[in-house]
Amino acid sequence: QVQLEESGGGLVQAGDSLRLSCAASGRDFGVTHMAWFRQAPGPDRRLVAAINGPGDNTVYRDSLKGRFTISRDNTRNTLYLQMNSLKPEDTGVYSCATCIGDDTHICASATNWGQGTRVTVTS
């Protein structure tokens, strides 16, 4: 089983930047699709971004593309989410997850979750 631990959340002002990290303990990280999700007001976690194993294919929620960047360092078993020009609507608990998918649907199914890190953006 893969263990995931998020870090890097905090309290920031609108327009600021933040980088989230997700440390993974597992032997197959480099071939595992990964994703970031956000839990905001509402019942569901929503996909923020996903990335394939090698890191050469990514997908973003349309409203976030251009402000957020998902990346990974497979030598460190770490997933990142760089968040720029933050807005109050970005507030929520961000969780990383392992995924099952292909190149056209990178995270068709999330299979393992971290506990999440909270991001609060004030205006």
C-alpha atoms as a PDB file:
ATOM      1  CA  GLN A   1       0.000   0.000   0.000  1.00  0.00           C
ATOM      2  CA  VAL A   2       1.114   3.549  -0.808  1.00  0.00           C
ATOM      3  CA  GLN A   3       1.203   6.090   2.013  1.00  0.00           C
ATOM      4  CA  LEU A   4       0.645   9.740   1.067  1.00  0.00           C
ATOM      5  CA  GLU A   5       1.361  12.815   3.177  1.00  0.00           C
ATOM      6  CA  GLU A   6       0.532  16.354   2.041  1.00  0.00           C
ATOM      7  CA  SER A   7       2.208  19.523   3.285  1.00  0.00           C
ATOM      8  CA  GLY A   8       2.587  23.186   2.382  1.00  0.00           C
ATOM      9  CA  GLY A   9      -0.880  24.542   3.055  1.00  0.00           C
ATOM     10  CA  GLY A  10      -1.463  27.722   4.997  1.00  0.00           C
ATOM     11  CA  LEU A  11      -3.134  31.106   5.247  1.00  0.00           C
ATOM     12  CA  VAL A  12      -2.349  33.544   2.431  1.00  0.00           C
ATOM     13  CA  GLN A  13      -3.800  36.657   0.843  1.00  0.00           C
ATOM     14  CA  ALA A  14      -5.374  36.855  -2.595  1.00  0.00           C
ATOM     15  CA  GLY A  15      -2.701  37.124  -5.263  1.00  0.00           C
ATOM     16  CA  ASP A  16      -0.108  35.177  -3.275  1.00  0.00           C
ATOM     17  CA  SER A  17       1.526  31.896  -4.274  1.00  0.00           C
ATOM     18  CA  LEU A  18       1.814  28.570  -2.495  1.00  0.00           C
ATOM     19  CA  ARG A  19       3.443  25.230  -3.275  1.00  0.00           C
ATOM     20  CA  LEU A  20       1.931  22.016  -1.970  1.00  0.00           C
ATOM     21  CA  SER A  21       3.903  18.793  -1.666  1.00  0.00           C
ATOM     22  CA  CYS A  22       2.783  15.183  -1.452  1.00  0.00           C
ATOM     23  CA  ALA A  23       5.348  12.683  -0.213  1.00  0.00           C
ATOM     24  CA  ALA A  24       4.670   9.106  -1.277  1.00  0.00           C
ATOM     25  CA  SER A  25       6.018   5.926   0.254  1.00  0.00           C
ATOM     26  CA  GLY A  26       5.910   3.248  -2.396  1.00  0.00           C
ATOM     27  CA  ARG A  27       8.047   1.285  -4.796  1.00  0.00           C
ATOM     28  CA  ASP A  28       6.114   2.109  -7.985  1.00  0.00           C
ATOM     29  CA  PHE A  29       5.702   5.880  -7.677  1.00  0.00           C
ATOM     30  CA  GLY A  30       7.392   6.563 -11.014  1.00  0.00           C
ATOM     31  CA  VAL A  31       4.785   4.559 -12.921  1.00  0.00           C
ATOM     32  CA  THR A  32       1.762   5.679 -10.890  1.00  0.00           C
ATOM     33  CA  HIS A  33      -0.681   8.321 -12.099  1.00  0.00           C
ATOM     34  CA  MET A  34      -1.286  11.004  -9.463  1.00  0.00           C
ATOM     35  CA  ALA A  35      -3.756  13.814  -8.887  1.00  0.00           C
ATOM     36  CA  TRP A  36      -4.688  16.708  -6.608  1.00  0.00           C
ATOM     37  CA  PHE A  37      -8.258  17.168  -5.387  1.00  0.00           C
ATOM     38  CA  ARG A  38      -9.919  20.001  -3.480  1.00  0.00           C
ATOM     39  CA  GLN A  39     -12.674  19.698  -0.889  1.00  0.00           C
ATOM     40  CA  ALA A  40     -14.589  22.999  -0.866  1.00  0.00           C
ATOM     41  CA  PRO A  41     -18.089  23.866   0.353  1.00  0.00           C
ATOM     42  CA  GLY A  42     -20.205  21.084  -1.077  1.00  0.00           C
ATOM     43  CA  PRO A  43     -20.380  17.310  -0.764  1.00  0.00           C
ATOM     44  CA  ASP A  44     -17.729  16.247  -3.281  1.00  0.00           C
ATOM     45  CA  ARG A  45     -14.009  16.419  -3.767  1.00  0.00           C
ATOM     46  CA  ARG A  46     -13.247  17.958  -7.161  1.00  0.00           C
ATOM     47  CA  LEU A  47     -10.287  17.149  -9.385  1.00  0.00           C
ATOM     48  CA  VAL A  48      -7.758  19.994  -9.552  1.00  0.00           C
ATOM     49  CA  ALA A  49      -5.059  18.437 -11.739  1.00  0.00           C
ATOM     50  CA  ALA A  50      -3.651  15.046 -12.687  1.00  0.00           C
ATOM     51  CA  ILE A  51      -0.346  13.810 -14.037  1.00  0.00           C
ATOM     52  CA  ASN A  52       0.839  10.534 -15.516  1.00  0.00           C
ATOM     53  CA  GLY A  53       3.762   8.498 -14.186  1.00  0.00           C
ATOM     54  CA  PRO A  54       6.596   9.938 -16.306  1.00  0.00           C
ATOM     55  CA  GLY A  55       5.182  13.474 -15.893  1.00  0.00           C
ATOM     56  CA  ASP A  56       4.830  14.302 -19.595  1.00  0.00           C
ATOM     57  CA  ASN A  57       1.015  14.381 -19.649  1.00  0.00           C
ATOM     58  CA  THR A  58      -1.153  16.576 -17.429  1.00  0.00           C
ATOM     59  CA  VAL A  59      -4.762  17.660 -17.147  1.00  0.00           C
ATOM     60  CA  TYR A  60      -6.268  20.643 -15.288  1.00  0.00           C
ATOM     61  CA  ARG A  61      -9.660  21.922 -14.351  1.00  0.00           C
ATOM     62  CA  ASP A  62     -10.330  24.626 -16.964  1.00  0.00           C
ATOM     63  CA  SER A  63     -10.789  27.390 -14.399  1.00  0.00           C
ATOM     64  CA  LEU A  64      -7.342  26.693 -12.903  1.00  0.00           C
ATOM     65  CA  LYS A  65      -5.220  26.129 -15.984  1.00  0.00           C
ATOM     66  CA  GLY A  66      -2.651  28.910 -16.278  1.00  0.00           C
ATOM     67  CA  ARG A  67      -2.517  29.567 -12.522  1.00  0.00           C
ATOM     68  CA  PHE A  68      -1.779  26.079 -11.167  1.00  0.00           C
ATOM     69  CA  THR A  69       0.968  23.677 -12.241  1.00  0.00           C
ATOM     70  CA  ILE A  70       1.190  20.014 -11.279  1.00  0.00           C
ATOM     71  CA  SER A  71       4.607  18.360 -11.375  1.00  0.00           C
ATOM     72  CA  ARG A  72       6.520  15.489  -9.823  1.00  0.00           C
ATOM     73  CA  ASP A  73      10.033  14.462  -8.861  1.00  0.00           C
ATOM     74  CA  ASN A  74      10.177  10.706  -9.210  1.00  0.00           C
ATOM     75  CA  THR A  75      13.666  10.544  -7.685  1.00  0.00           C
ATOM     76  CA  ARG A  76      12.168  11.913  -4.456  1.00  0.00           C
ATOM     77  CA  ASN A  77       8.763  10.198  -4.656  1.00  0.00           C
ATOM     78  CA  THR A  78       7.133  13.613  -4.400  1.00  0.00           C
ATOM     79  CA  LEU A  79       4.193  15.269  -6.151  1.00  0.00           C
ATOM     80  CA  TYR A  80       3.835  19.074  -6.268  1.00  0.00           C
ATOM     81  CA  LEU A  81       1.139  21.626  -6.930  1.00  0.00           C
ATOM     82  CA  GLN A  82       2.349  25.171  -7.592  1.00  0.00           C
ATOM     83  CA  MET A  83      -0.501  27.623  -7.030  1.00  0.00           C
ATOM     84  CA  ASN A  84      -0.130  31.212  -8.252  1.00  0.00           C
ATOM     85  CA  SER A  85      -2.459  34.214  -8.210  1.00  0.00           C
ATOM     86  CA  LEU A  86      -4.529  32.587  -5.496  1.00  0.00           C
ATOM     87  CA  LYS A  87      -8.163  33.581  -5.092  1.00  0.00           C
ATOM     88  CA  PRO A  88     -10.563  33.144  -2.165  1.00  0.00           C
ATOM     89  CA  GLU A  89     -12.430  30.541  -4.222  1.00  0.00           C
ATOM     90  CA  ASP A  90      -9.300  28.352  -4.098  1.00  0.00           C
ATOM     91  CA  THR A  91      -9.830  27.851  -0.361  1.00  0.00           C
ATOM     92  CA  GLY A  92     -10.255  24.245   0.707  1.00  0.00           C
ATOM     93  CA  VAL A  93      -8.548  21.060   1.809  1.00  0.00           C
ATOM     94  CA  TYR A  94      -6.193  19.756  -0.867  1.00  0.00           C
ATOM     95  CA  SER A  95      -5.560  16.017  -1.028  1.00  0.00           C
ATOM     96  CA  CYS A  96      -3.287  14.004  -3.263  1.00  0.00           C
ATOM     97  CA  ALA A  97      -4.265  10.609  -4.597  1.00  0.00           C
ATOM     98  CA  THR A  98      -2.960   7.724  -6.630  1.00  0.00           C
ATOM     99  CA  CYS A  99      -4.980   7.043  -9.757  1.00  0.00           C
ATOM    100  CA  ILE A 100      -5.830   4.441 -12.322  1.00  0.00           C
ATOM    101  CA  GLY A 101      -6.190   5.772 -15.847  1.00  0.00           C
ATOM    102  CA  ASP A 102      -4.713   6.175 -19.302  1.00  0.00           C
ATOM    103  CA  ASP A 103      -3.341   9.047 -21.373  1.00  0.00           C
ATOM    104  CA  THR A 104      -6.810  10.286 -22.316  1.00  0.00           C
ATOM    105  CA  HIS A 105      -8.223  10.013 -18.777  1.00  0.00           C
ATOM    106  CA  ILE A 106      -5.295  10.211 -16.375  1.00  0.00           C
ATOM    107  CA  CYS A 107      -7.329   9.821 -13.197  1.00  0.00           C
ATOM    108  CA  ALA A 108     -10.320   7.734 -14.166  1.00  0.00           C
ATOM    109  CA  SER A 109     -10.360   6.356 -10.628  1.00  0.00           C
ATOM    110  CA  ALA A 110      -8.617   7.533  -7.454  1.00  0.00           C
ATOM    111  CA  THR A 111      -7.450   4.562  -5.403  1.00  0.00           C
ATOM    112  CA  ASN A 112      -5.498   5.910  -2.410  1.00  0.00           C
ATOM    113  CA  TRP A 113      -5.693   9.230  -0.533  1.00  0.00           C
ATOM    114  CA  GLY A 114      -3.677  11.370   1.809  1.00  0.00           C
ATOM    115  CA  GLN A 115      -5.226  13.221   4.740  1.00  0.00           C
ATOM    116  CA  GLY A 116      -5.023  16.609   3.028  1.00  0.00           C
ATOM    117  CA  THR A 117      -3.610  20.053   3.763  1.00  0.00           C
ATOM    118  CA  ARG A 118      -5.746  23.152   4.220  1.00  0.00           C
ATOM    119  CA  VAL A 119      -5.343  26.234   2.039  1.00  0.00           C
ATOM    120  CA  THR A 120      -7.096  29.427   3.120  1.00  0.00           C
ATOM    121  CA  VAL A 121      -7.028  32.490   0.866  1.00  0.00           C
ATOM    122  CA  THR A 122      -8.272  35.790   2.270  1.00  0.00           C
ATOM    123  CA  SER A 123      -9.371  38.814   0.245  1.00  0.00           C
END
